[in-house]
Amino acid sequence: MLDRGEESVDLTSALLMMTLNGVAAIGREADLGSIEIGKLANMIVLNQNLFAIPKERIAETKVVRTIFEGRVVFERSTLAQSAAQH
């Protein structure tokens, strides 16, 4: 994913760093970091599957929805519709 020579990180490792490993580092793995019953619903929905595209196209990925504490707080289509109405 990050092409930095010997310090490169593959996609799976990078996503683990940002999810499960990240919350483990701050001691919050009981309620954050993965989609499981009883955990807070904090996540993003992307417009493409990062594992199904060439790594060179990852930077083109857009967030289409953000869910924070179980509520949709951002939705790309809603913003586009709102802008079109104004």
PDB file of N, CA and C in Angstrom:
ATOM      1  N   MET A   1       0.830  -1.187   0.000  1.00  0.00           N
ATOM      2  CA  MET A   1       0.000   0.000   0.000  1.00  0.00           C
ATOM      3  C   MET A   1       0.870   1.245   0.000  1.00  0.00           C
ATOM      4  N   LEU A   2       1.707   1.373   0.989  1.00  0.00           N
ATOM      5  CA  LEU A   2       2.614   2.516   1.020  1.00  0.00           C
ATOM      6  C   LEU A   2       3.952   2.052   0.478  1.00  0.00           C
ATOM      7  N   ASP A   3       4.330   2.555  -0.670  1.00  0.00           N
ATOM      8  CA  ASP A   3       5.560   2.131  -1.306  1.00  0.00           C
ATOM      9  C   ASP A   3       6.716   2.978  -0.813  1.00  0.00           C
ATOM     10  N   ARG A   4       7.399   2.470   0.206  1.00  0.00           N
ATOM     11  CA  ARG A   4       8.514   3.195   0.819  1.00  0.00           C
ATOM     12  C   ARG A   4       9.741   2.288   0.942  1.00  0.00           C
ATOM     13  N   GLY A   5      10.012   1.528  -0.122  1.00  0.00           N
ATOM     14  CA  GLY A   5      11.182   0.650  -0.100  1.00  0.00           C
ATOM     15  C   GLY A   5      11.073  -0.387   0.999  1.00  0.00           C
ATOM     16  N   GLU A   6      12.114  -0.522   1.799  1.00  0.00           N
ATOM     17  CA  GLU A   6      12.139  -1.517   2.871  1.00  0.00           C
ATOM     18  C   GLU A   6      11.094  -1.244   3.948  1.00  0.00           C
ATOM     19  N   GLU A   7      10.612  -0.031   4.037  1.00  0.00           N
ATOM     20  CA  GLU A   7       9.608   0.337   5.041  1.00  0.00           C
ATOM     21  C   GLU A   7       8.186   0.233   4.509  1.00  0.00           C
ATOM     22  N   SER A   8       8.013  -0.354   3.324  1.00  0.00           N
ATOM     23  CA  SER A   8       6.682  -0.492   2.723  1.00  0.00           C
ATOM     24  C   SER A   8       5.765  -1.326   3.604  1.00  0.00           C
ATOM     25  N   VAL A   9       4.473  -1.028   3.506  1.00  0.00           N
ATOM     26  CA  VAL A   9       3.455  -1.734   4.275  1.00  0.00           C
ATOM     27  C   VAL A   9       2.401  -2.235   3.295  1.00  0.00           C
ATOM     28  N   ASP A  10       2.036  -3.517   3.406  1.00  0.00           N
ATOM     29  CA  ASP A  10       0.995  -4.043   2.527  1.00  0.00           C
ATOM     30  C   ASP A  10      -0.375  -3.553   3.006  1.00  0.00           C
ATOM     31  N   LEU A  11      -1.374  -3.686   2.154  1.00  0.00           N
ATOM     32  CA  LEU A  11      -2.706  -3.154   2.436  1.00  0.00           C
ATOM     33  C   LEU A  11      -3.313  -3.750   3.704  1.00  0.00           C
ATOM     34  N   THR A  12      -3.240  -5.057   3.856  1.00  0.00           N
ATOM     35  CA  THR A  12      -3.818  -5.698   5.042  1.00  0.00           C
ATOM     36  C   THR A  12      -3.176  -5.165   6.314  1.00  0.00           C
ATOM     37  N   SER A  13      -1.861  -5.053   6.328  1.00  0.00           N
ATOM     38  CA  SER A  13      -1.164  -4.528   7.511  1.00  0.00           C
ATOM     39  C   SER A  13      -1.550  -3.079   7.787  1.00  0.00           C
ATOM     40  N   ALA A  14      -1.662  -2.278   6.719  1.00  0.00           N
ATOM     41  CA  ALA A  14      -2.028  -0.868   6.893  1.00  0.00           C
ATOM     42  C   ALA A  14      -3.423  -0.733   7.493  1.00  0.00           C
ATOM     43  N   LEU A  15      -4.373  -1.532   7.011  1.00  0.00           N
ATOM     44  CA  LEU A  15      -5.730  -1.465   7.556  1.00  0.00           C
ATOM     45  C   LEU A  15      -5.776  -1.952   8.996  1.00  0.00           C
ATOM     46  N   LEU A  16      -5.016  -2.975   9.312  1.00  0.00           N
ATOM     47  CA  LEU A  16      -4.947  -3.436  10.708  1.00  0.00           C
ATOM     48  C   LEU A  16      -4.357  -2.356  11.619  1.00  0.00           C
ATOM     49  N   MET A  17      -3.358  -1.631  11.122  1.00  0.00           N
ATOM     50  CA  MET A  17      -2.764  -0.545  11.907  1.00  0.00           C
ATOM     51  C   MET A  17      -3.800   0.528  12.232  1.00  0.00           C
ATOM     52  N   MET A  18      -4.691   0.783  11.274  1.00  0.00           N
ATOM     53  CA  MET A  18      -5.677   1.848  11.446  1.00  0.00           C
ATOM     54  C   MET A  18      -6.931   1.388  12.194  1.00  0.00           C
ATOM     55  N   THR A  19      -7.072   0.096  12.415  1.00  0.00           N
ATOM     56  CA  THR A  19      -8.287  -0.418  13.055  1.00  0.00           C
ATOM     57  C   THR A  19      -7.923  -1.169  14.337  1.00  0.00           C
ATOM     58  N   LEU A  20      -7.796  -2.470  14.250  1.00  0.00           N
ATOM     59  CA  LEU A  20      -7.575  -3.306  15.437  1.00  0.00           C
ATOM     60  C   LEU A  20      -6.305  -2.950  16.204  1.00  0.00           C
ATOM     61  N   ASN A  21      -5.202  -2.791  15.510  1.00  0.00           N
ATOM     62  CA  ASN A  21      -3.945  -2.489  16.202  1.00  0.00           C
ATOM     63  C   ASN A  21      -3.946  -1.072  16.777  1.00  0.00           C
ATOM     64  N   GLY A  22      -4.582  -0.150  16.066  1.00  0.00           N
ATOM     65  CA  GLY A  22      -4.646   1.235  16.552  1.00  0.00           C
ATOM     66  C   GLY A  22      -5.400   1.347  17.868  1.00  0.00           C
ATOM     67  N   VAL A  23      -6.542   0.689  17.963  1.00  0.00           N
ATOM     68  CA  VAL A  23      -7.309   0.785  19.212  1.00  0.00           C
ATOM     69  C   VAL A  23      -6.667  -0.032  20.323  1.00  0.00           C
ATOM     70  N   ALA A  24      -5.967  -1.111  19.965  1.00  0.00           N
ATOM     71  CA  ALA A  24      -5.251  -1.887  20.989  1.00  0.00           C
ATOM     72  C   ALA A  24      -4.163  -1.021  21.626  1.00  0.00           C
ATOM     73  N   ALA A  25      -3.536  -0.176  20.821  1.00  0.00           N
ATOM     74  CA  ALA A  25      -2.477   0.696  21.332  1.00  0.00           C
ATOM     75  C   ALA A  25      -2.993   1.688  22.368  1.00  0.00           C
ATOM     76  N   ILE A  26      -4.278   2.045  22.273  1.00  0.00           N
ATOM     77  CA  ILE A  26      -4.845   2.991  23.243  1.00  0.00           C
ATOM     78  C   ILE A  26      -5.770   2.298  24.244  1.00  0.00           C
ATOM     79  N   GLY A  27      -5.779   0.963  24.219  1.00  0.00           N
ATOM     80  CA  GLY A  27      -6.556   0.203  25.189  1.00  0.00           C
ATOM     81  C   GLY A  27      -8.061   0.252  24.985  1.00  0.00           C
ATOM     82  N   ARG A  28      -8.525   0.432  23.742  1.00  0.00           N
ATOM     83  CA  ARG A  28      -9.968   0.556  23.474  1.00  0.00           C
ATOM     84  C   ARG A  28     -10.514  -0.589  22.628  1.00  0.00           C
ATOM     85  N   GLU A  29      -9.794  -1.710  22.545  1.00  0.00           N
ATOM     86  CA  GLU A  29     -10.227  -2.801  21.676  1.00  0.00           C
ATOM     87  C   GLU A  29     -11.535  -3.444  22.116  1.00  0.00           C
ATOM     88  N   ALA A  30     -11.972  -3.212  23.347  1.00  0.00           N
ATOM     89  CA  ALA A  30     -13.250  -3.773  23.809  1.00  0.00           C
ATOM     90  C   ALA A  30     -14.451  -3.088  23.157  1.00  0.00           C
ATOM     91  N   ASP A  31     -14.281  -1.829  22.729  1.00  0.00           N
ATOM     92  CA  ASP A  31     -15.434  -1.121  22.161  1.00  0.00           C
ATOM     93  C   ASP A  31     -15.184  -0.462  20.803  1.00  0.00           C
ATOM     94  N   LEU A  32     -13.988  -0.584  20.251  1.00  0.00           N
ATOM     95  CA  LEU A  32     -13.668   0.025  18.958  1.00  0.00           C
ATOM     96  C   LEU A  32     -12.826  -0.926  18.105  1.00  0.00           C
ATOM     97  N   GLY A  33     -12.671  -0.602  16.821  1.00  0.00           N
ATOM     98  CA  GLY A  33     -11.696  -1.263  15.974  1.00  0.00           C
ATOM     99  C   GLY A  33     -12.194  -2.351  15.056  1.00  0.00           C
ATOM    100  N   SER A  34     -13.369  -2.905  15.332  1.00  0.00           N
ATOM    101  CA  SER A  34     -13.914  -3.950  14.460  1.00  0.00           C
ATOM    102  C   SER A  34     -15.432  -3.905  14.531  1.00  0.00           C
ATOM    103  N   ILE A  35     -16.069  -4.534  13.558  1.00  0.00           N
ATOM    104  CA  ILE A  35     -17.532  -4.560  13.521  1.00  0.00           C
ATOM    105  C   ILE A  35     -17.999  -5.809  14.262  1.00  0.00           C
ATOM    106  N   GLU A  36     -18.481  -5.602  15.483  1.00  0.00           N
ATOM    107  CA  GLU A  36     -18.949  -6.697  16.322  1.00  0.00           C
ATOM    108  C   GLU A  36     -20.098  -6.203  17.196  1.00  0.00           C
ATOM    109  N   ILE A  37     -20.953  -7.116  17.598  1.00  0.00           N
ATOM    110  CA  ILE A  37     -22.045  -6.780  18.510  1.00  0.00           C
ATOM    111  C   ILE A  37     -21.453  -6.219  19.797  1.00  0.00           C
ATOM    112  N   GLY A  38     -22.014  -5.092  20.243  1.00  0.00           N
ATOM    113  CA  GLY A  38     -21.575  -4.466  21.479  1.00  0.00           C
ATOM    114  C   GLY A  38     -20.504  -3.405  21.309  1.00  0.00           C
ATOM    115  N   LYS A  39     -19.937  -3.300  20.123  1.00  0.00           N
ATOM    116  CA  LYS A  39     -18.927  -2.268  19.888  1.00  0.00           C
ATOM    117  C   LYS A  39     -19.578  -1.045  19.257  1.00  0.00           C
ATOM    118  N   LEU A  40     -18.933   0.115  19.427  1.00  0.00           N
ATOM    119  CA  LEU A  40     -19.433   1.346  18.829  1.00  0.00           C
ATOM    120  C   LEU A  40     -19.368   1.240  17.310  1.00  0.00           C
ATOM    121  N   ALA A  41     -20.376   1.747  16.655  1.00  0.00           N
ATOM    122  CA  ALA A  41     -20.441   1.682  15.192  1.00  0.00           C
ATOM    123  C   ALA A  41     -19.778   2.909  14.591  1.00  0.00           C
ATOM    124  N   ASN A  42     -18.462   2.929  14.604  1.00  0.00           N
ATOM    125  CA  ASN A  42     -17.682   3.998  13.997  1.00  0.00           C
ATOM    126  C   ASN A  42     -16.992   3.404  12.778  1.00  0.00           C
ATOM    127  N   MET A  43     -17.383   3.852  11.588  1.00  0.00           N
ATOM    128  CA  MET A  43     -16.786   3.286  10.374  1.00  0.00           C
ATOM    129  C   MET A  43     -17.016   4.201   9.192  1.00  0.00           C
ATOM    130  N   ILE A  44     -16.288   3.903   8.133  1.00  0.00           N
ATOM    131  CA  ILE A  44     -16.495   4.589   6.859  1.00  0.00           C
ATOM    132  C   ILE A  44     -16.868   3.551   5.810  1.00  0.00           C
ATOM    133  N   VAL A  45     -17.593   4.001   4.790  1.00  0.00           N
ATOM    134  CA  VAL A  45     -17.930   3.180   3.636  1.00  0.00           C
ATOM    135  C   VAL A  45     -17.227   3.834   2.452  1.00  0.00           C
ATOM    136  N   LEU A  46     -16.498   3.033   1.697  1.00  0.00           N
ATOM    137  CA  LEU A  46     -15.730   3.541   0.565  1.00  0.00           C
ATOM    138  C   LEU A  46     -16.431   3.238  -0.748  1.00  0.00           C
ATOM    139  N   ASN A  47     -16.067   3.962  -1.797  1.00  0.00           N
ATOM    140  CA  ASN A  47     -16.690   3.762  -3.100  1.00  0.00           C
ATOM    141  C   ASN A  47     -16.092   2.603  -3.886  1.00  0.00           C
ATOM    142  N   GLN A  48     -15.060   1.987  -3.360  1.00  0.00           N
ATOM    143  CA  GLN A  48     -14.479   0.831  -4.031  1.00  0.00           C
ATOM    144  C   GLN A  48     -13.784  -0.070  -3.022  1.00  0.00           C
ATOM    145  N   ASN A  49     -13.664  -1.343  -3.397  1.00  0.00           N
ATOM    146  CA  ASN A  49     -13.021  -2.342  -2.562  1.00  0.00           C
ATOM    147  C   ASN A  49     -11.514  -2.200  -2.717  1.00  0.00           C
ATOM    148  N   LEU A  50     -10.828  -1.820  -1.665  1.00  0.00           N
ATOM    149  CA  LEU A  50      -9.392  -1.586  -1.745  1.00  0.00           C
ATOM    150  C   LEU A  50      -8.612  -2.836  -2.146  1.00  0.00           C
ATOM    151  N   PHE A  51      -9.162  -4.014  -1.859  1.00  0.00           N
ATOM    152  CA  PHE A  51      -8.477  -5.259  -2.189  1.00  0.00           C
ATOM    153  C   PHE A  51      -8.711  -5.680  -3.641  1.00  0.00           C
ATOM    154  N   ALA A  52      -9.635  -5.016  -4.339  1.00  0.00           N
ATOM    155  CA  ALA A  52      -9.981  -5.403  -5.709  1.00  0.00           C
ATOM    156  C   ALA A  52      -9.425  -4.453  -6.763  1.00  0.00           C
ATOM    157  N   ILE A  53      -8.640  -3.477  -6.345  1.00  0.00           N
ATOM    158  CA  ILE A  53      -8.093  -2.499  -7.285  1.00  0.00           C
ATOM    159  C   ILE A  53      -6.568  -2.495  -7.201  1.00  0.00           C
ATOM    160  N   PRO A  54      -5.904  -2.025  -8.244  1.00  0.00           N
ATOM    161  CA  PRO A  54      -4.441  -1.899  -8.174  1.00  0.00           C
ATOM    162  C   PRO A  54      -4.063  -0.873  -7.105  1.00  0.00           C
ATOM    163  N   LYS A  55      -2.950  -1.113  -6.431  1.00  0.00           N
ATOM    164  CA  LYS A  55      -2.544  -0.205  -5.343  1.00  0.00           C
ATOM    165  C   LYS A  55      -2.373   1.231  -5.824  1.00  0.00           C
ATOM    166  N   GLU A  56      -2.072   1.413  -7.089  1.00  0.00           N
ATOM    167  CA  GLU A  56      -1.905   2.763  -7.628  1.00  0.00           C
ATOM    168  C   GLU A  56      -3.218   3.548  -7.624  1.00  0.00           C
ATOM    169  N   ARG A  57      -4.352   2.859  -7.546  1.00  0.00           N
ATOM    170  CA  ARG A  57      -5.659   3.531  -7.568  1.00  0.00           C
ATOM    171  C   ARG A  57      -6.234   3.767  -6.170  1.00  0.00           C
ATOM    172  N   ILE A  58      -5.562   3.328  -5.138  1.00  0.00           N
ATOM    173  CA  ILE A  58      -6.081   3.503  -3.781  1.00  0.00           C
ATOM    174  C   ILE A  58      -6.285   4.977  -3.458  1.00  0.00           C
ATOM    175  N   ALA A  59      -5.394   5.825  -3.907  1.00  0.00           N
ATOM    176  CA  ALA A  59      -5.501   7.265  -3.628  1.00  0.00           C
ATOM    177  C   ALA A  59      -6.752   7.890  -4.236  1.00  0.00           C
ATOM    178  N   GLU A  60      -7.362   7.242  -5.225  1.00  0.00           N
ATOM    179  CA  GLU A  60      -8.585   7.747  -5.855  1.00  0.00           C
ATOM    180  C   GLU A  60      -9.842   7.406  -5.053  1.00  0.00           C
ATOM    181  N   THR A  61      -9.700   6.607  -4.025  1.00  0.00           N
ATOM    182  CA  THR A  61     -10.842   6.135  -3.245  1.00  0.00           C
ATOM    183  C   THR A  61     -11.512   7.288  -2.514  1.00  0.00           C
ATOM    184  N   LYS A  62     -12.836   7.294  -2.530  1.00  0.00           N
ATOM    185  CA  LYS A  62     -13.629   8.331  -1.861  1.00  0.00           C
ATOM    186  C   LYS A  62     -14.448   7.715  -0.731  1.00  0.00           C
ATOM    187  N   VAL A  63     -14.591   8.462   0.336  1.00  0.00           N
ATOM    188  CA  VAL A  63     -15.498   8.068   1.419  1.00  0.00           C
ATOM    189  C   VAL A  63     -16.901   8.454   0.982  1.00  0.00           C
ATOM    190  N   VAL A  64     -17.832   7.504   1.003  1.00  0.00           N
ATOM    191  CA  VAL A  64     -19.208   7.808   0.615  1.00  0.00           C
ATOM    192  C   VAL A  64     -20.127   7.914   1.833  1.00  0.00           C
ATOM    193  N   ARG A  65     -19.711   7.352   2.952  1.00  0.00           N
ATOM    194  CA  ARG A  65     -20.532   7.459   4.161  1.00  0.00           C
ATOM    195  C   ARG A  65     -19.629   7.315   5.383  1.00  0.00           C
ATOM    196  N   THR A  66     -19.895   8.130   6.406  1.00  0.00           N
ATOM    197  CA  THR A  66     -19.215   8.008   7.687  1.00  0.00           C
ATOM    198  C   THR A  66     -20.269   7.770   8.754  1.00  0.00           C
ATOM    199  N   ILE A  67     -20.063   6.734   9.545  1.00  0.00           N
ATOM    200  CA  ILE A  67     -20.969   6.406  10.644  1.00  0.00           C
ATOM    201  C   ILE A  67     -20.184   6.567  11.934  1.00  0.00           C
ATOM    202  N   PHE A  68     -20.718   7.376  12.842  1.00  0.00           N
ATOM    203  CA  PHE A  68     -20.061   7.646  14.117  1.00  0.00           C
ATOM    204  C   PHE A  68     -21.060   7.412  15.234  1.00  0.00           C
ATOM    205  N   GLU A  69     -20.681   6.550  16.160  1.00  0.00           N
ATOM    206  CA  GLU A  69     -21.545   6.178  17.283  1.00  0.00           C
ATOM    207  C   GLU A  69     -22.933   5.768  16.802  1.00  0.00           C
ATOM    208  N   GLY A  70     -22.955   5.003  15.691  1.00  0.00           N
ATOM    209  CA  GLY A  70     -24.201   4.448  15.188  1.00  0.00           C
ATOM    210  C   GLY A  70     -25.044   5.371  14.325  1.00  0.00           C
ATOM    211  N   ARG A  71     -24.589   6.609  14.116  1.00  0.00           N
ATOM    212  CA  ARG A  71     -25.356   7.571  13.311  1.00  0.00           C
ATOM    213  C   ARG A  71     -24.572   7.959  12.064  1.00  0.00           C
ATOM    214  N   VAL A  72     -25.281   8.089  10.952  1.00  0.00           N
ATOM    215  CA  VAL A  72     -24.646   8.570   9.722  1.00  0.00           C
ATOM    216  C   VAL A  72     -24.380  10.061   9.911  1.00  0.00           C
ATOM    217  N   VAL A  73     -23.110  10.446   9.868  1.00  0.00           N
ATOM    218  CA  VAL A  73     -22.741  11.855  10.039  1.00  0.00           C
ATOM    219  C   VAL A  73     -22.247  12.486   8.746  1.00  0.00           C
ATOM    220  N   PHE A  74     -22.016  11.659   7.733  1.00  0.00           N
ATOM    221  CA  PHE A  74     -21.609  12.161   6.420  1.00  0.00           C
ATOM    222  C   PHE A  74     -22.114  11.181   5.378  1.00  0.00           C
ATOM    223  N   GLU A  75     -22.681  11.721   4.318  1.00  0.00           N
ATOM    224  CA  GLU A  75     -23.081  10.896   3.187  1.00  0.00           C
ATOM    225  C   GLU A  75     -22.875  11.701   1.926  1.00  0.00           C
ATOM    226  N   ARG A  76     -21.996  11.221   1.053  1.00  0.00           N
ATOM    227  CA  ARG A  76     -21.612  11.964  -0.148  1.00  0.00           C
ATOM    228  C   ARG A  76     -22.816  12.301  -1.014  1.00  0.00           C
ATOM    229  N   SER A  77     -23.736  11.388  -1.246  1.00  0.00           N
ATOM    230  CA  SER A  77     -24.878  11.675  -2.109  1.00  0.00           C
ATOM    231  C   SER A  77     -25.751  12.771  -1.518  1.00  0.00           C
ATOM    232  N   THR A  78     -25.888  12.825  -0.197  1.00  0.00           N
ATOM    233  CA  THR A  78     -26.668  13.864   0.457  1.00  0.00           C
ATOM    234  C   THR A  78     -26.037  15.226   0.220  1.00  0.00           C
ATOM    235  N   LEU A  79     -24.721  15.307   0.302  1.00  0.00           N
ATOM    236  CA  LEU A  79     -24.042  16.584   0.070  1.00  0.00           C
ATOM    237  C   LEU A  79     -24.199  17.030  -1.380  1.00  0.00           C
ATOM    238  N   ALA A  80     -24.117  16.094  -2.306  1.00  0.00           N
ATOM    239  CA  ALA A  80     -24.245  16.436  -3.724  1.00  0.00           C
ATOM    240  C   ALA A  80     -25.661  16.936  -4.021  1.00  0.00           C
ATOM    241  N   GLN A  81     -26.671  16.293  -3.435  1.00  0.00           N
ATOM    242  CA  GLN A  81     -28.050  16.712  -3.642  1.00  0.00           C
ATOM    243  C   GLN A  81     -28.285  18.087  -3.023  1.00  0.00           C
ATOM    244  N   SER A  82     -27.741  18.303  -1.839  1.00  0.00           N
ATOM    245  CA  SER A  82     -27.904  19.579  -1.153  1.00  0.00           C
ATOM    246  C   SER A  82     -27.275  20.716  -1.950  1.00  0.00           C
ATOM    247  N   ALA A  83     -26.096  20.485  -2.493  1.00  0.00           N
ATOM    248  CA  ALA A  83     -25.408  21.513  -3.278  1.00  0.00           C
ATOM    249  C   ALA A  83     -26.190  21.827  -4.555  1.00  0.00           C
ATOM    250  N   ALA A  84     -26.780  20.811  -5.146  1.00  0.00           N
ATOM    251  CA  ALA A  84     -27.548  21.004  -6.379  1.00  0.00           C
ATOM    252  C   ALA A  84     -28.804  21.827  -6.123  1.00  0.00           C
ATOM    253  N   GLN A  85     -29.350  21.760  -4.926  1.00  0.00           N
ATOM    254  CA  GLN A  85     -30.581  22.488  -4.602  1.00  0.00           C
ATOM    255  C   GLN A  85     -30.301  23.960  -4.303  1.00  0.00           C
ATOM    256  N   HIS A  86     -29.066  24.314  -4.005  1.00  0.00           N
ATOM    257  CA  HIS A  86     -28.754  25.702  -3.645  1.00  0.00           C
ATOM    258  C   HIS A  86     -28.212  26.477  -4.780  1.00  0.00           C
TER     259      HIS A  86
END
